[in-house]
């Protein structure tokens, strides 16, 4: 069981399926998003961003590592790995250190895999 001290040091973000954000979202630590977001997402410090099935992001994303199962309409910039899973729909430009597109994913993009 997690104690109070450990909980205060916990860097984890979860936005559920019925949540909606309009505007910029700045997160620290790992994040799982299943909601609708219209605006920029920026991950500060370390942490992986996971966009689950049913998530929808319209806007730019800046992160270290990104895993997409949902829909993204906008530009992506990641210094690490971008994984676009079979259930994903992605349109926009992608700049990443590494890029993996799984069979079945729908992708309309310009891509640049380089060290950022």
Protein backbone atom coordinates (compact mmCIF):
# COMPACT_ATOMS: atom_id res chain seq x y z
CA UNK A 1 0.00 0.00 0.00
CA UNK A 2 1.26 3.50 -0.83
CA UNK A 3 1.88 5.80 2.13
CA UNK A 4 1.40 9.58 2.28
CA UNK A 5 5.08 10.39 1.71
CA UNK A 6 5.29 8.14 -1.36
CA UNK A 7 2.03 9.54 -2.73
CA UNK A 8 3.34 13.12 -2.52
CA UNK A 9 6.38 12.06 -4.59
CA UNK A 10 4.21 10.30 -7.17
CA UNK A 11 4.48 11.86 -10.65
CA UNK A 12 1.68 10.30 -12.67
CA UNK A 13 -1.17 11.88 -14.64
CA UNK A 14 -4.42 10.31 -15.80
CA UNK A 15 -7.15 12.04 -17.83
CA UNK A 16 -10.19 9.81 -18.28
CA UNK A 17 -12.58 9.23 -21.12
CA UNK A 18 -15.19 11.79 -20.04
CA UNK A 19 -12.65 14.60 -19.54
CA UNK A 20 -12.19 17.40 -22.05
CA UNK A 21 -9.42 20.00 -22.13
CA UNK A 22 -9.47 23.13 -24.28
CA UNK A 23 -6.15 24.96 -24.06
CA UNK A 24 -2.54 24.08 -23.34
CA UNK A 25 -1.71 21.13 -21.11
CA UNK A 26 1.71 20.97 -19.41
CA UNK A 27 2.47 17.71 -17.61
CA UNK A 28 5.33 16.30 -15.51
CA UNK A 29 5.82 12.57 -15.08
CA UNK A 30 4.15 9.73 -16.93
CA UNK A 31 0.72 10.48 -18.39
CA UNK A 32 -2.15 8.38 -19.70
CA UNK A 33 -4.81 10.24 -21.66
CA UNK A 34 -8.12 8.82 -22.84
CA UNK A 35 -9.87 12.17 -23.21
CA UNK A 36 -10.51 14.87 -25.83
CA UNK A 37 -7.90 17.64 -25.95
CA UNK A 38 -7.85 20.72 -28.16
CA UNK A 39 -4.58 22.53 -27.58
CA UNK A 40 -0.89 21.95 -27.07
CA UNK A 41 0.43 19.13 -24.88
CA UNK A 42 3.91 19.55 -23.44
CA UNK A 43 5.64 16.97 -21.29
CA UNK A 44 8.22 18.52 -18.98
CA UNK A 45 11.03 16.58 -17.34
CA UNK A 46 10.99 12.83 -17.94
CA UNK A 47 7.91 10.76 -18.50
CA UNK A 48 6.11 8.86 -21.19
CA UNK A 49 2.88 10.11 -22.75
CA UNK A 50 0.34 7.43 -23.70
CA UNK A 51 -2.70 8.39 -25.78
CA UNK A 52 -5.11 5.49 -25.27
CA UNK A 53 -7.84 4.20 -27.59
CA UNK A 54 -10.64 6.74 -27.70
CA UNK A 55 -8.34 9.70 -27.07
CA UNK A 56 -8.44 12.64 -29.48
CA UNK A 57 -5.80 15.37 -29.61
CA UNK A 58 -6.06 18.34 -31.94
CA UNK A 59 -2.90 20.37 -31.46
CA UNK A 60 0.85 19.98 -31.13
CA UNK A 61 2.57 17.49 -28.84
CA UNK A 62 6.05 17.83 -27.37
CA UNK A 63 7.37 14.91 -25.33
CA UNK A 64 10.28 12.55 -24.85
CA UNK A 65 8.49 9.25 -25.54
CA UNK A 66 4.99 8.98 -27.01
CA UNK A 67 2.75 5.97 -27.61
CA UNK A 68 -0.40 6.57 -29.67
CA UNK A 69 -3.42 4.26 -29.70
CA UNK A 70 -5.98 7.05 -30.39
CA UNK A 71 -6.26 9.99 -32.80
CA UNK A 72 -3.84 12.90 -33.21
CA UNK A 73 -4.29 15.84 -35.57
CA UNK A 74 -1.23 18.05 -35.26
CA UNK A 75 2.53 18.22 -35.13
CA UNK A 76 4.56 15.89 -32.90
CA UNK A 77 8.07 16.53 -31.60
CA UNK A 78 9.74 13.88 -29.45
CA UNK A 79 13.39 13.40 -28.58
CA UNK A 80 12.88 9.68 -27.94
CA UNK A 81 10.54 7.06 -29.38
CA UNK A 82 7.18 7.65 -31.07
CA UNK A 83 5.11 4.44 -31.36
CA UNK A 84 2.01 4.59 -33.53
CA UNK A 85 -0.10 1.52 -32.73
CA UNK A 86 -2.52 -0.33 -35.02
CA UNK A 87 -5.60 1.46 -33.63
CA UNK A 88 -4.09 4.94 -34.14
CA UNK A 89 -5.03 7.66 -36.63
CA UNK A 90 -2.33 10.32 -36.99
CA UNK A 91 -2.11 13.34 -39.29
CA UNK A 92 0.57 16.03 -39.18
CA UNK A 93 4.34 16.23 -39.05
CA UNK A 94 6.51 14.08 -36.78
CA UNK A 95 10.03 14.84 -35.60
CA UNK A 96 11.46 12.10 -33.42
CA UNK A 97 14.59 10.31 -32.40
CA UNK A 98 12.95 7.00 -33.38
CA UNK A 99 9.63 6.19 -35.06
CA UNK A 100 7.72 2.90 -35.11
CA UNK A 101 4.47 2.50 -37.08
CA UNK A 102 2.60 -0.74 -36.43
CA UNK A 103 0.61 -2.49 -39.19
CA UNK A 104 -2.98 -1.23 -39.33
CA UNK A 105 -2.24 2.34 -38.19
CA UNK A 106 -3.65 5.13 -40.37
CA UNK A 107 -0.95 7.77 -40.84
CA UNK A 108 -0.91 10.92 -42.99
CA UNK A 109 2.29 12.75 -42.17
CA UNK A 110 5.63 14.16 -42.99
CA UNK A 111 8.28 12.56 -40.83
CA UNK A 112 11.81 13.38 -39.79
CA UNK A 113 13.64 10.92 -37.56
CA UNK A 114 16.64 12.69 -36.09
CA UNK A 115 18.24 13.59 -32.82
CA UNK A 116 16.40 16.56 -31.35
